[in-house]
Amino acid sequence: MAFKTARIAEVTVATKALSTFCDSSSLAIKVKTSDVTTFLSAWDIFISGTAGATFALSGSYDPTVTTGPSSVLLAQIALNQAGTVTPCIVYPAGNNAGQGTSDTFNALITDYTEDSKVQAQVVFSATFIVTGAVTHATL
C-alpha cells in the first residue's frame, strides 16, 4: 500500500499558496439520492442524483496584507459577492509526481472565522461550497 502523510499537503486558493498557514483541509463530496421505494418492498430503493461538495480549511492566522489567509479569503468573499467564483486546488499528499492526486474546483466562501483565545495562537477557518465539478487528477 502507498499510504501518504498529510504533512506535505498543499492548498491554493485564488492562485495564492496557503499551505504554510494551514494545518487542516477537508474536501467532502456528497451525492444526492431520491427514495423510490414502493409498497411491498422489503428494502429501501434509491436512485442517484447530482453530486456536490464542500471544502473546509483552517490554520494559523496571519494578517500579512498580500499573502496571508486573511487578505486572500476576505478579498475572495468580496469577489464572490460580486459574482466571481474562487478557484481552488488541493493536493492532499503534496504536489509532486507520484505523491497522489489533485482536486481542482471553483467555490464560494460561505463562512470565515478568526478565533482568538488567551494562551493560544490566533487561528482562522473557512468553509466553501463547491460550484460545478471537482476535477480529480493523478500526479
N, C-alpha and C. Protein backbone atom coordinates (compact mmCIF):
# COMPACT_ATOMS: atom_id res chain seq x y z
N MET A 1 0.83 -1.19 0.00
CA MET A 1 0.00 0.00 0.00
C MET A 1 0.87 1.24 0.00
N ALA A 2 0.37 2.28 -0.60
CA ALA A 2 1.13 3.52 -0.72
C ALA A 2 0.50 4.62 0.13
N PHE A 3 0.54 4.45 1.44
CA PHE A 3 -0.02 5.47 2.32
C PHE A 3 0.81 6.74 2.24
N LYS A 4 0.19 7.87 2.41
CA LYS A 4 0.87 9.17 2.33
C LYS A 4 0.62 9.96 3.60
N THR A 5 1.55 10.85 3.91
CA THR A 5 1.39 11.73 5.05
C THR A 5 0.75 13.05 4.60
N ALA A 6 -0.09 13.60 5.46
CA ALA A 6 -0.72 14.88 5.14
C ALA A 6 0.23 16.04 5.42
N ARG A 7 1.35 15.77 6.00
CA ARG A 7 2.33 16.81 6.35
C ARG A 7 2.74 17.64 5.13
N ILE A 8 2.73 17.03 3.96
CA ILE A 8 3.17 17.75 2.77
C ILE A 8 2.01 18.18 1.86
N ALA A 9 0.80 18.19 2.42
CA ALA A 9 -0.38 18.64 1.66
C ALA A 9 -0.19 20.09 1.24
N GLU A 10 -0.82 20.44 0.13
CA GLU A 10 -0.77 21.82 -0.36
C GLU A 10 -2.17 22.29 -0.74
N VAL A 11 -2.39 23.58 -0.52
CA VAL A 11 -3.68 24.19 -0.83
C VAL A 11 -3.44 25.53 -1.51
N THR A 12 -4.13 25.74 -2.62
CA THR A 12 -4.06 27.02 -3.33
C THR A 12 -5.48 27.56 -3.46
N VAL A 13 -5.66 28.80 -3.05
CA VAL A 13 -6.96 29.47 -3.15
C VAL A 13 -6.74 30.76 -3.93
N ALA A 14 -7.45 30.89 -5.04
CA ALA A 14 -7.33 32.08 -5.89
C ALA A 14 -5.87 32.32 -6.29
N THR A 15 -5.20 31.28 -6.70
CA THR A 15 -3.79 31.26 -7.12
C THR A 15 -2.79 31.61 -6.01
N LYS A 16 -3.25 31.74 -4.78
CA LYS A 16 -2.36 32.04 -3.65
C LYS A 16 -2.11 30.75 -2.86
N ALA A 17 -0.86 30.41 -2.66
CA ALA A 17 -0.49 29.23 -1.88
C ALA A 17 -0.72 29.53 -0.40
N LEU A 18 -1.63 28.79 0.21
CA LEU A 18 -1.93 28.99 1.64
C LEU A 18 -1.40 27.85 2.51
N SER A 19 -0.66 26.93 1.94
CA SER A 19 -0.20 25.74 2.66
C SER A 19 0.59 26.06 3.91
N THR A 20 1.42 27.09 3.87
CA THR A 20 2.27 27.40 5.03
C THR A 20 1.48 27.96 6.21
N PHE A 21 0.21 28.28 6.00
CA PHE A 21 -0.65 28.78 7.08
C PHE A 21 -1.62 27.71 7.58
N CYS A 22 -1.81 26.65 6.81
CA CYS A 22 -2.88 25.67 7.08
C CYS A 22 -2.39 24.46 7.86
N ASP A 23 -3.25 23.94 8.71
CA ASP A 23 -2.97 22.67 9.38
C ASP A 23 -4.10 21.67 9.18
N SER A 24 -5.13 22.07 8.43
CA SER A 24 -6.25 21.16 8.17
C SER A 24 -6.99 21.59 6.91
N SER A 25 -7.32 20.61 6.09
CA SER A 25 -8.21 20.85 4.95
C SER A 25 -9.05 19.61 4.74
N SER A 26 -10.26 19.82 4.25
CA SER A 26 -11.18 18.71 4.08
C SER A 26 -12.09 18.97 2.88
N LEU A 27 -12.08 18.06 1.93
CA LEU A 27 -12.97 18.12 0.79
C LEU A 27 -13.99 17.00 0.95
N ALA A 28 -15.26 17.36 1.07
CA ALA A 28 -16.32 16.37 1.27
C ALA A 28 -17.25 16.38 0.06
N ILE A 29 -17.33 15.25 -0.63
CA ILE A 29 -18.19 15.11 -1.80
C ILE A 29 -19.39 14.27 -1.40
N LYS A 30 -20.57 14.75 -1.75
CA LYS A 30 -21.80 14.05 -1.38
C LYS A 30 -22.68 13.93 -2.62
N VAL A 31 -23.30 12.77 -2.78
CA VAL A 31 -24.22 12.53 -3.88
C VAL A 31 -25.64 12.51 -3.33
N LYS A 32 -26.49 13.33 -3.91
CA LYS A 32 -27.90 13.35 -3.51
C LYS A 32 -28.57 12.09 -4.03
N THR A 33 -29.55 11.62 -3.29
CA THR A 33 -30.29 10.44 -3.71
C THR A 33 -31.78 10.70 -3.59
N SER A 34 -32.55 9.93 -4.33
CA SER A 34 -34.00 10.01 -4.25
C SER A 34 -34.53 8.63 -3.87
N ASP A 35 -35.43 8.62 -2.91
CA ASP A 35 -36.03 7.38 -2.45
C ASP A 35 -37.15 6.98 -3.42
N VAL A 36 -37.03 5.80 -4.02
CA VAL A 36 -38.04 5.31 -4.94
C VAL A 36 -38.65 3.98 -4.44
N THR A 37 -38.59 3.79 -3.14
CA THR A 37 -39.16 2.58 -2.53
C THR A 37 -40.67 2.54 -2.74
N THR A 38 -41.18 1.39 -3.08
CA THR A 38 -42.61 1.24 -3.35
C THR A 38 -43.25 0.31 -2.31
N PHE A 39 -44.56 0.28 -2.33
CA PHE A 39 -45.29 -0.66 -1.46
C PHE A 39 -44.79 -2.08 -1.71
N LEU A 40 -44.82 -2.88 -0.69
CA LEU A 40 -44.44 -4.29 -0.71
C LEU A 40 -42.93 -4.52 -0.83
N SER A 41 -42.12 -3.44 -0.85
CA SER A 41 -40.66 -3.61 -0.90
C SER A 41 -40.16 -4.03 0.48
N ALA A 42 -39.20 -4.93 0.51
CA ALA A 42 -38.60 -5.35 1.77
C ALA A 42 -37.38 -4.49 2.13
N TRP A 43 -36.84 -3.80 1.14
CA TRP A 43 -35.67 -2.95 1.35
C TRP A 43 -35.91 -1.59 0.70
N ASP A 44 -35.23 -0.57 1.23
CA ASP A 44 -35.29 0.75 0.61
C ASP A 44 -34.61 0.69 -0.75
N ILE A 45 -35.13 1.49 -1.69
CA ILE A 45 -34.55 1.58 -3.03
C ILE A 45 -34.30 3.05 -3.34
N PHE A 46 -33.09 3.36 -3.80
CA PHE A 46 -32.71 4.73 -4.09
C PHE A 46 -32.14 4.83 -5.50
N ILE A 47 -32.25 6.02 -6.08
CA ILE A 47 -31.55 6.32 -7.32
C ILE A 47 -30.61 7.49 -7.06
N SER A 48 -29.53 7.50 -7.80
CA SER A 48 -28.50 8.52 -7.63
C SER A 48 -28.92 9.83 -8.28
N GLY A 49 -28.52 10.92 -7.65
CA GLY A 49 -28.80 12.25 -8.19
C GLY A 49 -27.52 13.00 -8.47
N THR A 50 -27.54 14.29 -8.27
CA THR A 50 -26.38 15.13 -8.54
C THR A 50 -25.37 15.05 -7.40
N ALA A 51 -24.12 15.32 -7.74
CA ALA A 51 -23.06 15.36 -6.75
C ALA A 51 -22.75 16.82 -6.39
N GLY A 52 -22.32 17.03 -5.19
CA GLY A 52 -21.91 18.35 -4.73
C GLY A 52 -20.79 18.20 -3.72
N ALA A 53 -20.17 19.30 -3.38
CA ALA A 53 -19.04 19.20 -2.45
C ALA A 53 -18.92 20.46 -1.60
N THR A 54 -18.29 20.27 -0.45
CA THR A 54 -17.89 21.39 0.40
C THR A 54 -16.41 21.23 0.69
N PHE A 55 -15.78 22.34 1.02
CA PHE A 55 -14.35 22.35 1.31
C PHE A 55 -14.15 23.20 2.55
N ALA A 56 -13.36 22.69 3.49
CA ALA A 56 -13.05 23.44 4.71
C ALA A 56 -11.54 23.54 4.87
N LEU A 57 -11.12 24.65 5.42
CA LEU A 57 -9.71 24.97 5.54
C LEU A 57 -9.50 25.68 6.86
N SER A 58 -8.42 25.37 7.57
CA SER A 58 -8.13 26.09 8.81
C SER A 58 -6.64 26.08 9.09
N GLY A 59 -6.23 27.00 9.97
CA GLY A 59 -4.81 27.06 10.32
C GLY A 59 -4.48 28.31 11.11
N SER A 60 -3.23 28.71 11.02
CA SER A 60 -2.71 29.84 11.80
C SER A 60 -2.99 31.15 11.09
N TYR A 61 -3.55 32.08 11.84
CA TYR A 61 -3.89 33.41 11.32
C TYR A 61 -2.61 34.19 11.01
N ASP A 62 -2.60 34.89 9.91
CA ASP A 62 -1.51 35.79 9.54
C ASP A 62 -2.14 36.94 8.76
N PRO A 63 -2.04 38.17 9.29
CA PRO A 63 -2.68 39.30 8.63
C PRO A 63 -1.86 39.94 7.51
N THR A 64 -0.79 39.27 7.05
CA THR A 64 0.05 39.83 6.00
C THR A 64 -0.82 40.31 4.84
N VAL A 65 -0.60 41.52 4.43
CA VAL A 65 -1.50 42.20 3.51
C VAL A 65 -1.68 41.50 2.16
N THR A 66 -0.62 40.94 1.59
CA THR A 66 -0.76 40.39 0.24
C THR A 66 -0.80 38.87 0.17
N THR A 67 -0.31 38.18 1.19
CA THR A 67 -0.21 36.72 1.08
C THR A 67 -0.89 35.95 2.20
N GLY A 68 -1.21 36.60 3.30
CA GLY A 68 -1.81 35.89 4.43
C GLY A 68 -3.22 35.43 4.13
N PRO A 69 -3.68 34.40 4.85
CA PRO A 69 -5.01 33.87 4.58
C PRO A 69 -6.12 34.89 4.79
N SER A 70 -5.93 35.79 5.74
CA SER A 70 -6.94 36.81 5.99
C SER A 70 -7.18 37.66 4.75
N SER A 71 -6.12 38.19 4.16
CA SER A 71 -6.29 39.06 2.99
C SER A 71 -6.81 38.28 1.79
N VAL A 72 -6.31 37.07 1.58
CA VAL A 72 -6.74 36.26 0.44
C VAL A 72 -8.23 35.92 0.56
N LEU A 73 -8.63 35.41 1.71
CA LEU A 73 -10.01 34.93 1.87
C LEU A 73 -11.01 36.07 1.92
N LEU A 74 -10.69 37.16 2.60
CA LEU A 74 -11.61 38.29 2.65
C LEU A 74 -11.79 38.93 1.28
N ALA A 75 -10.71 38.99 0.50
CA ALA A 75 -10.82 39.51 -0.87
C ALA A 75 -11.71 38.61 -1.71
N GLN A 76 -11.61 37.31 -1.51
CA GLN A 76 -12.44 36.38 -2.27
C GLN A 76 -13.91 36.48 -1.88
N ILE A 77 -14.19 36.75 -0.62
CA ILE A 77 -15.59 36.93 -0.21
C ILE A 77 -16.20 38.10 -0.98
N ALA A 78 -15.46 39.20 -1.08
CA ALA A 78 -15.95 40.36 -1.83
C ALA A 78 -16.17 40.01 -3.30
N LEU A 79 -15.24 39.25 -3.89
CA LEU A 79 -15.40 38.84 -5.28
C LEU A 79 -16.57 37.88 -5.45
N ASN A 80 -16.74 36.97 -4.49
CA ASN A 80 -17.88 36.04 -4.54
C ASN A 80 -19.19 36.81 -4.54
N GLN A 81 -19.28 37.85 -3.71
CA GLN A 81 -20.49 38.66 -3.65
C GLN A 81 -20.75 39.39 -4.95
N ALA A 82 -19.69 39.65 -5.71
CA ALA A 82 -19.81 40.32 -7.00
C ALA A 82 -20.05 39.34 -8.14
N GLY A 83 -20.15 38.03 -7.81
CA GLY A 83 -20.45 37.03 -8.83
C GLY A 83 -19.27 36.25 -9.35
N THR A 84 -18.08 36.44 -8.80
CA THR A 84 -16.89 35.71 -9.24
C THR A 84 -16.64 34.52 -8.33
N VAL A 85 -16.40 33.35 -8.90
CA VAL A 85 -16.10 32.17 -8.10
C VAL A 85 -14.63 32.15 -7.72
N THR A 86 -14.30 31.38 -6.70
CA THR A 86 -12.93 31.27 -6.22
C THR A 86 -12.33 29.96 -6.71
N PRO A 87 -11.25 30.01 -7.51
CA PRO A 87 -10.60 28.78 -7.94
C PRO A 87 -9.76 28.19 -6.81
N CYS A 88 -9.84 26.88 -6.63
CA CYS A 88 -9.09 26.19 -5.57
C CYS A 88 -8.43 24.93 -6.13
N ILE A 89 -7.25 24.62 -5.59
CA ILE A 89 -6.58 23.36 -5.90
C ILE A 89 -6.10 22.76 -4.58
N VAL A 90 -6.39 21.49 -4.38
CA VAL A 90 -5.99 20.79 -3.17
C VAL A 90 -5.13 19.58 -3.57
N TYR A 91 -3.98 19.47 -2.94
CA TYR A 91 -3.10 18.32 -3.11
C TYR A 91 -3.00 17.64 -1.75
N PRO A 92 -3.84 16.63 -1.47
CA PRO A 92 -3.90 16.04 -0.14
C PRO A 92 -2.58 15.43 0.34
N ALA A 93 -1.72 15.00 -0.60
CA ALA A 93 -0.45 14.38 -0.21
C ALA A 93 0.74 15.04 -0.89
N GLY A 94 0.63 16.32 -1.20
CA GLY A 94 1.73 17.04 -1.82
C GLY A 94 1.57 17.20 -3.31
N ASN A 95 2.38 18.11 -3.87
CA ASN A 95 2.27 18.48 -5.28
C ASN A 95 3.47 18.01 -6.08
N ASN A 96 3.87 16.77 -5.89
CA ASN A 96 4.99 16.21 -6.64
C ASN A 96 4.52 14.94 -7.36
N ALA A 97 5.10 14.68 -8.53
CA ALA A 97 4.75 13.47 -9.28
C ALA A 97 4.90 12.25 -8.37
N GLY A 98 3.91 11.39 -8.40
CA GLY A 98 3.94 10.19 -7.59
C GLY A 98 3.42 10.37 -6.18
N GLN A 99 3.07 11.60 -5.80
CA GLN A 99 2.59 11.85 -4.44
C GLN A 99 1.11 11.57 -4.27
N GLY A 100 0.41 11.39 -5.35
CA GLY A 100 -1.02 11.12 -5.20
C GLY A 100 -1.86 11.83 -6.22
N THR A 101 -2.73 12.72 -5.74
CA THR A 101 -3.74 13.32 -6.60
C THR A 101 -3.90 14.82 -6.33
N SER A 102 -4.63 15.44 -7.24
CA SER A 102 -5.04 16.83 -7.03
C SER A 102 -6.53 16.92 -7.26
N ASP A 103 -7.16 17.86 -6.59
CA ASP A 103 -8.58 18.17 -6.77
C ASP A 103 -8.68 19.65 -7.11
N THR A 104 -9.25 19.96 -8.26
CA THR A 104 -9.39 21.34 -8.72
C THR A 104 -10.87 21.65 -8.84
N PHE A 105 -11.26 22.84 -8.34
CA PHE A 105 -12.68 23.20 -8.37
C PHE A 105 -12.84 24.70 -8.17
N ASN A 106 -14.04 25.19 -8.47
CA ASN A 106 -14.43 26.56 -8.18
C ASN A 106 -15.40 26.53 -7.01
N ALA A 107 -15.33 27.55 -6.17
CA ALA A 107 -16.16 27.55 -4.97
C ALA A 107 -16.54 28.95 -4.56
N LEU A 108 -17.49 29.01 -3.64
CA LEU A 108 -17.90 30.25 -2.99
C LEU A 108 -17.62 30.10 -1.50
N ILE A 109 -17.04 31.12 -0.89
CA ILE A 109 -16.77 31.07 0.55
C ILE A 109 -18.07 31.37 1.28
N THR A 110 -18.47 30.45 2.17
CA THR A 110 -19.72 30.63 2.90
C THR A 110 -19.50 31.05 4.35
N ASP A 111 -18.33 30.76 4.90
CA ASP A 111 -18.02 31.13 6.28
C ASP A 111 -16.53 31.43 6.41
N TYR A 112 -16.21 32.46 7.17
CA TYR A 112 -14.82 32.78 7.51
C TYR A 112 -14.78 33.17 8.98
N THR A 113 -13.87 32.57 9.75
CA THR A 113 -13.79 32.83 11.18
C THR A 113 -12.35 33.08 11.58
N GLU A 114 -12.16 34.08 12.45
CA GLU A 114 -10.88 34.29 13.12
C GLU A 114 -11.15 34.08 14.60
N ASP A 115 -10.36 33.22 15.24
CA ASP A 115 -10.62 32.82 16.61
C ASP A 115 -9.42 33.14 17.49
N SER A 116 -9.64 33.95 18.52
CA SER A 116 -8.59 34.34 19.47
C SER A 116 -8.94 33.84 20.86
N LYS A 117 -7.99 33.15 21.50
CA LYS A 117 -8.19 32.67 22.86
C LYS A 117 -6.94 32.98 23.67
N VAL A 118 -7.13 33.27 24.94
CA VAL A 118 -6.00 33.51 25.83
C VAL A 118 -5.12 32.26 25.85
N GLN A 119 -3.83 32.45 25.80
CA GLN A 119 -2.83 31.39 25.84
C GLN A 119 -2.95 30.42 24.66
N ALA A 120 -3.39 30.94 23.54
CA ALA A 120 -3.45 30.13 22.32
C ALA A 120 -3.16 31.02 21.13
N GLN A 121 -2.72 30.42 20.05
CA GLN A 121 -2.48 31.18 18.84
C GLN A 121 -3.80 31.62 18.23
N VAL A 122 -3.76 32.67 17.45
CA VAL A 122 -4.94 33.10 16.69
C VAL A 122 -5.04 32.16 15.49
N VAL A 123 -6.23 31.66 15.24
CA VAL A 123 -6.45 30.73 14.13
C VAL A 123 -7.57 31.25 13.23
N PHE A 124 -7.60 30.73 12.02
CA PHE A 124 -8.67 31.07 11.09
C PHE A 124 -9.29 29.77 10.58
N SER A 125 -10.50 29.88 10.08
CA SER A 125 -11.13 28.77 9.37
C SER A 125 -12.04 29.34 8.29
N ALA A 126 -12.18 28.58 7.23
CA ALA A 126 -13.04 29.00 6.13
C ALA A 126 -13.77 27.78 5.59
N THR A 127 -15.01 28.00 5.19
CA THR A 127 -15.82 26.95 4.58
C THR A 127 -16.25 27.42 3.21
N PHE A 128 -16.17 26.53 2.25
CA PHE A 128 -16.52 26.82 0.87
C PHE A 128 -17.61 25.85 0.41
N ILE A 129 -18.45 26.30 -0.50
CA ILE A 129 -19.36 25.38 -1.19
C ILE A 129 -18.89 25.34 -2.65
N VAL A 130 -18.67 24.13 -3.14
CA VAL A 130 -18.15 23.96 -4.50
C VAL A 130 -19.28 24.18 -5.49
N THR A 131 -18.97 24.94 -6.54
CA THR A 131 -19.94 25.18 -7.59
C THR A 131 -19.41 24.57 -8.88
N GLY A 132 -20.11 23.58 -9.40
CA GLY A 132 -19.62 22.84 -10.56
C GLY A 132 -18.87 21.59 -10.13
N ALA A 133 -18.15 21.02 -11.07
CA ALA A 133 -17.49 19.73 -10.85
C ALA A 133 -16.15 19.87 -10.13
N VAL A 134 -15.79 18.80 -9.42
CA VAL A 134 -14.45 18.65 -8.87
C VAL A 134 -13.67 17.80 -9.86
N THR A 135 -12.54 18.32 -10.35
CA THR A 135 -11.70 17.57 -11.27
C THR A 135 -10.60 16.89 -10.48
N HIS A 136 -10.60 15.57 -10.51
CA HIS A 136 -9.67 14.76 -9.75
C HIS A 136 -8.61 14.23 -10.72
N ALA A 137 -7.33 14.47 -10.43
CA ALA A 137 -6.27 14.06 -11.34
C ALA A 137 -5.14 13.37 -10.57
N THR A 138 -4.48 12.42 -11.22
CA THR A 138 -3.34 11.75 -10.65
C THR A 138 -2.07 12.50 -11.03
N LEU A 139 -1.19 12.67 -10.05
CA LEU A 139 0.06 13.39 -10.32
C LEU A 139 1.12 12.42 -10.81
